Amino acid sequence: IERRIKKAVNAIYDVQFLIDNDKLVIAVNRIYYGIFYAVSALALKHQFTTSKHQQLIGGFNKNYIKEKKVDVKFGEILRMSFEKRSKSDYDDWVEFKSDEVNTLFSDMKMFINKMQEIIK
C-alpha cells in the first residue's frame, strides 16, 4: 500500500516536470497512472487486487461511490482520467491544451490526497 501511494505521489512530480516542458500528452498518461496507483493502494487495503483497469474502476465505483464513502466527483475524476489516458495512448492525432491538462493535474492531486486520507 505504501509503495503504491509513493508511486502516486512521485507521479505528481513527473506530471509537473512534463507540464513544465510542454509534454502534455505524456502528462495526461502520468496523471491517470498517479490516480491508478492511489486507487490500487486503496484496493489493496481491502484485499482486492486486479491488473485490469476496468475492474479496478468498477470496484472503486461500487465500493466507494455507490456506497457514498466518497463524493461522486472522485468517480468522475477517475473516469475522465482513464478516458483521456486512453486517447493519449491510442489516438494518433490527440492534442491537449495546457488549461485542460492543468485542470486534470489539480484533480489528480486532490484525488491522491483523498485516497491517502481514506487509507489512513
Protein backbone atom coordinates (compact mmCIF):
# COMPACT_ATOMS: atom_id res chain seq x y z
CA ILE A 1 0.00 0.00 0.00
CA GLU A 2 2.75 2.42 0.97
CA ARG A 3 4.68 1.61 -2.19
CA ARG A 4 1.70 2.36 -4.42
CA ILE A 5 0.97 5.61 -2.60
CA LYS A 6 4.62 6.55 -3.07
CA LYS A 7 4.28 5.82 -6.80
CA ALA A 8 1.17 8.03 -6.91
CA VAL A 9 2.95 10.89 -5.15
CA ASN A 10 6.01 10.50 -7.38
CA ALA A 11 3.71 10.74 -10.41
CA ILE A 12 2.76 14.25 -9.22
CA TYR A 13 6.38 15.33 -9.62
CA ASP A 14 6.60 13.62 -13.00
CA VAL A 15 3.48 15.41 -14.23
CA GLN A 16 4.76 18.79 -13.07
CA PHE A 17 8.01 18.21 -14.98
CA LEU A 18 6.11 17.16 -18.10
CA ILE A 19 3.79 20.16 -17.97
CA ASP A 20 6.73 22.50 -17.45
CA ASN A 21 8.35 21.01 -20.55
CA ASP A 22 5.20 21.12 -22.69
CA LYS A 23 4.86 17.33 -22.88
CA LEU A 24 1.11 17.42 -22.36
CA VAL A 25 0.14 14.12 -23.97
CA ILE A 26 2.60 12.24 -21.77
CA ALA A 27 1.47 14.29 -18.75
CA VAL A 28 -2.10 13.07 -19.29
CA ASN A 29 -0.84 9.49 -19.24
CA ARG A 30 1.02 10.05 -15.96
CA ILE A 31 -1.99 11.84 -14.44
CA TYR A 32 -4.07 8.73 -14.95
CA TYR A 33 -1.38 6.43 -13.62
CA GLY A 34 -0.95 8.54 -10.49
CA ILE A 35 -4.66 8.16 -9.86
CA PHE A 36 -4.49 4.46 -10.74
CA TYR A 37 -1.71 3.87 -8.19
CA ALA A 38 -3.75 5.62 -5.49
CA VAL A 39 -6.88 3.57 -6.26
CA SER A 40 -4.87 0.36 -6.36
CA ALA A 41 -3.40 1.21 -2.93
CA LEU A 42 -6.93 1.65 -1.59
CA ALA A 43 -7.97 -1.65 -3.19
CA LEU A 44 -5.02 -3.42 -1.59
CA LYS A 45 -6.09 -2.13 1.81
CA HIS A 46 -9.30 -4.09 1.27
CA GLN A 47 -7.54 -7.19 -0.13
CA PHE A 48 -8.69 -6.54 -3.68
CA THR A 49 -6.14 -6.76 -6.46
CA THR A 50 -6.50 -6.82 -10.21
CA SER A 51 -4.38 -5.91 -13.18
CA LYS A 52 -7.50 -4.93 -15.12
CA HIS A 53 -8.14 -1.19 -15.17
CA GLN A 54 -11.88 -1.55 -15.76
CA GLN A 55 -12.23 -3.96 -12.83
CA LEU A 56 -10.38 -1.58 -10.54
CA ILE A 57 -12.52 1.35 -11.66
CA GLY A 58 -15.68 -0.75 -11.25
CA GLY A 59 -14.62 -1.83 -7.77
CA PHE A 60 -13.95 1.77 -6.77
CA ASN A 61 -17.32 2.89 -8.08
CA LYS A 62 -19.14 0.02 -6.37
CA ASN A 63 -17.41 0.24 -3.00
CA TYR A 64 -16.82 3.96 -2.65
CA ILE A 65 -19.05 5.98 -4.97
CA LYS A 66 -22.20 3.86 -4.77
CA GLU A 67 -21.76 3.39 -1.02
CA LYS A 68 -21.31 7.19 -0.67
CA LYS A 69 -17.94 6.84 1.07
CA VAL A 70 -16.53 9.49 -1.28
CA ASP A 71 -18.12 12.24 -3.32
CA VAL A 72 -19.21 11.31 -6.84
CA LYS A 73 -16.68 13.82 -8.21
CA PHE A 74 -13.91 11.32 -7.41
CA GLY A 75 -15.56 8.73 -9.63
CA GLU A 76 -15.80 11.35 -12.37
CA ILE A 77 -12.12 12.23 -11.98
CA LEU A 78 -11.16 8.56 -12.26
CA ARG A 79 -13.37 8.00 -15.30
CA MET A 80 -12.21 11.17 -17.07
CA SER A 81 -8.54 10.49 -16.43
CA PHE A 82 -8.93 6.95 -17.78
CA GLU A 83 -10.67 8.21 -20.93
CA LYS A 84 -8.06 10.92 -21.53
CA ARG A 85 -5.24 8.44 -20.93
CA SER A 86 -6.76 6.07 -23.47
CA LYS A 87 -6.89 8.88 -26.02
CA SER A 88 -3.32 9.89 -25.22
CA ASP A 89 -2.11 6.33 -25.74
CA TYR A 90 -4.15 5.25 -28.75
CA ASP A 91 -5.20 8.33 -30.72
CA ASP A 92 -2.52 9.32 -33.21
CA TRP A 93 -3.81 12.87 -33.54
CA VAL A 94 -4.65 13.74 -29.96
CA GLU A 95 -3.59 17.08 -28.53
CA PHE A 96 -4.38 18.58 -25.16
CA LYS A 97 -4.49 22.23 -24.22
CA SER A 98 -2.48 23.49 -21.29
CA ASP A 99 -5.51 24.61 -19.27
CA GLU A 100 -7.17 21.21 -19.74
CA VAL A 101 -4.07 19.37 -18.52
CA ASN A 102 -3.65 21.74 -15.59
CA THR A 103 -7.26 21.05 -14.54
CA LEU A 104 -6.64 17.31 -14.78
CA PHE A 105 -3.46 17.78 -12.75
CA SER A 106 -5.31 19.65 -9.99
CA ASP A 107 -7.91 16.89 -9.93
CA MET A 108 -5.18 14.27 -9.74
CA LYS A 109 -3.59 15.90 -6.68
CA MET A 110 -6.98 16.22 -4.97
CA PHE A 111 -7.76 12.56 -5.77
CA ILE A 112 -4.46 11.26 -4.42
CA ASN A 113 -4.84 13.32 -1.24
CA LYS A 114 -8.33 11.91 -0.71
CA MET A 115 -7.17 8.33 -1.19
CA GLN A 116 -4.37 8.93 1.33
CA GLU A 117 -6.95 10.23 3.84
CA ILE A 118 -9.17 7.19 3.36
CA ILE A 119 -6.27 4.76 3.68
CA LYS A 120 -5.15 6.30 6.96
